[in-house]
Amino acid sequence: MSIEISQDVCIGCGQCAKSCPGTLIQLDDKGKACISRIERCWGCASCVKECPVQAIAMFLGEDMGGLGGKLTVGRENTLLHWIITKPDGDTQILTVDSRDPNKY
């Protein structure tokens, strides 16, 4: 698993760095998120879920059924919108209420 951080979209809030259990994400000298050792990323998606502007995407490899797609998460109050963007540009959205995440 691997993540991609779009520094053009990043607002420098630091939520990703706070949520990363491996302490791999930091803010660079421009105040933007960056990951120092991408090979050490656990693929836990904590940073993806915490980013308020969808600046972090997780690659979905073939082992995840993603065939090269990317996953981002949009937040709307208690709703998490898991957005899967396929390589051909099509998207699929799964919405989960964080108050009852196992209901999906």
C-alpha atoms as a PDB file:
ATOM      1  CA  MET A   1       0.000   0.000   0.000  1.00  0.00           C
ATOM      2  CA  SER A   2       1.085   3.486  -0.611  1.00  0.00           C
ATOM      3  CA  ILE A   3      -0.273   6.973  -0.300  1.00  0.00           C
ATOM      4  CA  GLU A   4       0.078  10.078  -2.417  1.00  0.00           C
ATOM      5  CA  ILE A   5       0.016  13.578  -0.936  1.00  0.00           C
ATOM      6  CA  SER A   6      -1.002  16.410  -3.243  1.00  0.00           C
ATOM      7  CA  GLN A   7       0.851  19.435  -1.919  1.00  0.00           C
ATOM      8  CA  ASP A   8      -1.137  21.656  -4.279  1.00  0.00           C
ATOM      9  CA  VAL A   9      -4.299  20.687  -2.391  1.00  0.00           C
ATOM     10  CA  CYS A  10      -2.800  20.420   1.123  1.00  0.00           C
ATOM     11  CA  ILE A  11      -3.755  23.274   3.468  1.00  0.00           C
ATOM     12  CA  GLY A  12      -1.107  22.446   6.077  1.00  0.00           C
ATOM     13  CA  CYS A  13      -3.529  21.691   8.923  1.00  0.00           C
ATOM     14  CA  GLY A  14      -1.331  18.845  10.233  1.00  0.00           C
ATOM     15  CA  GLN A  15      -4.204  16.453  10.938  1.00  0.00           C
ATOM     16  CA  CYS A  16      -2.505  13.754   8.853  1.00  0.00           C
ATOM     17  CA  ALA A  17       0.732  14.047  10.824  1.00  0.00           C
ATOM     18  CA  LYS A  18      -1.156  13.822  14.121  1.00  0.00           C
ATOM     19  CA  SER A  19      -3.063  10.719  13.012  1.00  0.00           C
ATOM     20  CA  CYS A  20      -0.186   8.741  11.466  1.00  0.00           C
ATOM     21  CA  PRO A  21       0.614   5.868  13.874  1.00  0.00           C
ATOM     22  CA  GLY A  22       4.053   5.466  12.301  1.00  0.00           C
ATOM     23  CA  THR A  23       4.886   9.186  12.643  1.00  0.00           C
ATOM     24  CA  LEU A  24       5.858   9.172   8.966  1.00  0.00           C
ATOM     25  CA  ILE A  25       4.081  12.366   7.900  1.00  0.00           C
ATOM     26  CA  GLN A  26       5.469  15.799   8.717  1.00  0.00           C
ATOM     27  CA  LEU A  27       4.929  19.336   7.523  1.00  0.00           C
ATOM     28  CA  ASP A  28       7.752  20.552   5.309  1.00  0.00           C
ATOM     29  CA  ASP A  29       9.362  24.013   5.323  1.00  0.00           C
ATOM     30  CA  LYS A  30       6.431  25.328   3.249  1.00  0.00           C
ATOM     31  CA  GLY A  31       3.922  24.009   5.802  1.00  0.00           C
ATOM     32  CA  LYS A  32       2.693  21.224   3.512  1.00  0.00           C
ATOM     33  CA  ALA A  33       2.340  17.550   4.393  1.00  0.00           C
ATOM     34  CA  CYS A  34       5.019  15.175   3.174  1.00  0.00           C
ATOM     35  CA  ILE A  35       5.954  11.580   3.936  1.00  0.00           C
ATOM     36  CA  SER A  36       9.591  10.867   4.580  1.00  0.00           C
ATOM     37  CA  ARG A  37       9.772   7.084   4.182  1.00  0.00           C
ATOM     38  CA  ILE A  38       6.903   5.981   1.931  1.00  0.00           C
ATOM     39  CA  GLU A  39       8.106   2.368   2.069  1.00  0.00           C
ATOM     40  CA  ARG A  40       7.310   2.304   5.788  1.00  0.00           C
ATOM     41  CA  CYS A  41       3.664   3.313   5.308  1.00  0.00           C
ATOM     42  CA  TRP A  42       1.368   0.709   6.908  1.00  0.00           C
ATOM     43  CA  GLY A  43      -1.586   1.541   4.679  1.00  0.00           C
ATOM     44  CA  CYS A  44      -3.854   2.114   7.673  1.00  0.00           C
ATOM     45  CA  ALA A  45      -5.683   5.036   5.959  1.00  0.00           C
ATOM     46  CA  SER A  46      -5.663   7.205   9.103  1.00  0.00           C
ATOM     47  CA  CYS A  47      -4.221  10.157   7.213  1.00  0.00           C
ATOM     48  CA  VAL A  48      -6.648   9.652   4.331  1.00  0.00           C
ATOM     49  CA  LYS A  49      -9.629   9.776   6.719  1.00  0.00           C
ATOM     50  CA  GLU A  50      -8.351  12.827   8.616  1.00  0.00           C
ATOM     51  CA  CYS A  51      -7.480  15.052   5.665  1.00  0.00           C
ATOM     52  CA  PRO A  52     -10.279  17.648   5.420  1.00  0.00           C
ATOM     53  CA  VAL A  53      -9.516  18.560   1.786  1.00  0.00           C
ATOM     54  CA  GLN A  54      -8.831  15.145   0.207  1.00  0.00           C
ATOM     55  CA  ALA A  55      -5.159  15.961  -0.394  1.00  0.00           C
ATOM     56  CA  ILE A  56      -4.133  12.398   0.491  1.00  0.00           C
ATOM     57  CA  ALA A  57      -5.054   9.396  -1.623  1.00  0.00           C
ATOM     58  CA  MET A  58      -4.358   5.730  -1.030  1.00  0.00           C
ATOM     59  CA  PHE A  59      -3.449   3.621  -4.032  1.00  0.00           C
ATOM     60  CA  LEU A  60      -5.648   0.555  -4.419  1.00  0.00           C
ATOM     61  CA  GLY A  61      -3.542  -2.137  -5.990  1.00  0.00           C
ATOM     62  CA  GLU A  62      -4.728  -5.322  -7.603  1.00  0.00           C
ATOM     63  CA  ASP A  63      -4.502  -7.132  -4.269  1.00  0.00           C
ATOM     64  CA  MET A  64      -7.234  -4.776  -2.982  1.00  0.00           C
ATOM     65  CA  GLY A  65      -9.395  -5.210  -6.074  1.00  0.00           C
ATOM     66  CA  GLY A  66      -8.591  -1.650  -7.069  1.00  0.00           C
ATOM     67  CA  LEU A  67      -6.580  -2.301 -10.224  1.00  0.00           C
ATOM     68  CA  GLY A  68      -4.676   0.935  -9.777  1.00  0.00           C
ATOM     69  CA  GLY A  69      -7.466   3.128  -8.436  1.00  0.00           C
ATOM     70  CA  LYS A  70      -7.181   5.671  -5.630  1.00  0.00           C
ATOM     71  CA  LEU A  71      -9.166   6.116  -2.438  1.00  0.00           C
ATOM     72  CA  THR A  72      -9.909   9.456  -0.770  1.00  0.00           C
ATOM     73  CA  VAL A  73     -12.363  10.291   1.994  1.00  0.00           C
ATOM     74  CA  GLY A  74     -14.738  13.229   2.167  1.00  0.00           C
ATOM     75  CA  ARG A  75     -16.325  14.190   5.468  1.00  0.00           C
ATOM     76  CA  GLU A  76     -19.767  15.683   6.040  1.00  0.00           C
ATOM     77  CA  ASN A  77     -20.619  15.943   9.745  1.00  0.00           C
ATOM     78  CA  THR A  78     -20.744  12.295  10.892  1.00  0.00           C
ATOM     79  CA  LEU A  79     -20.759  10.884   7.356  1.00  0.00           C
ATOM     80  CA  LEU A  80     -17.600   9.565   5.732  1.00  0.00           C
ATOM     81  CA  HIS A  81     -17.741   9.382   1.940  1.00  0.00           C
ATOM     82  CA  TRP A  82     -15.178   6.816   0.787  1.00  0.00           C
ATOM     83  CA  ILE A  83     -14.457   7.890  -2.804  1.00  0.00           C
ATOM     84  CA  ILE A  84     -12.882   5.330  -5.099  1.00  0.00           C
ATOM     85  CA  THR A  85     -11.544   6.781  -8.339  1.00  0.00           C
ATOM     86  CA  LYS A  86     -10.819   4.102 -10.913  1.00  0.00           C
ATOM     87  CA  PRO A  87      -8.019   4.425 -13.481  1.00  0.00           C
ATOM     88  CA  ASP A  88     -10.587   5.180 -16.208  1.00  0.00           C
ATOM     89  CA  GLY A  89     -11.898   8.157 -14.194  1.00  0.00           C
ATOM     90  CA  ASP A  90     -15.134   6.537 -13.014  1.00  0.00           C
ATOM     91  CA  THR A  91     -15.888   6.993  -9.334  1.00  0.00           C
ATOM     92  CA  GLN A  92     -17.755   4.995  -6.751  1.00  0.00           C
ATOM     93  CA  ILE A  93     -18.769   6.463  -3.406  1.00  0.00           C
ATOM     94  CA  LEU A  94     -19.484   4.459  -0.274  1.00  0.00           C
ATOM     95  CA  THR A  95     -21.046   6.502   2.519  1.00  0.00           C
ATOM     96  CA  VAL A  96     -20.722   5.368   6.125  1.00  0.00           C
ATOM     97  CA  ASP A  97     -22.071   7.076   9.241  1.00  0.00           C
ATOM     98  CA  SER A  98     -19.213   7.225  11.736  1.00  0.00           C
ATOM     99  CA  ARG A  99     -21.724   6.790  14.566  1.00  0.00           C
ATOM    100  CA  ASP A 100     -22.508   3.288  13.253  1.00  0.00           C
ATOM    101  CA  PRO A 101     -19.556   2.284  11.030  1.00  0.00           C
ATOM    102  CA  ASN A 102     -20.323  -1.435  11.004  1.00  0.00           C
ATOM    103  CA  LYS A 103     -23.776  -0.942   9.470  1.00  0.00           C
ATOM    104  CA  TYR A 104     -22.469  -0.833   5.870  1.00  0.00           C
END
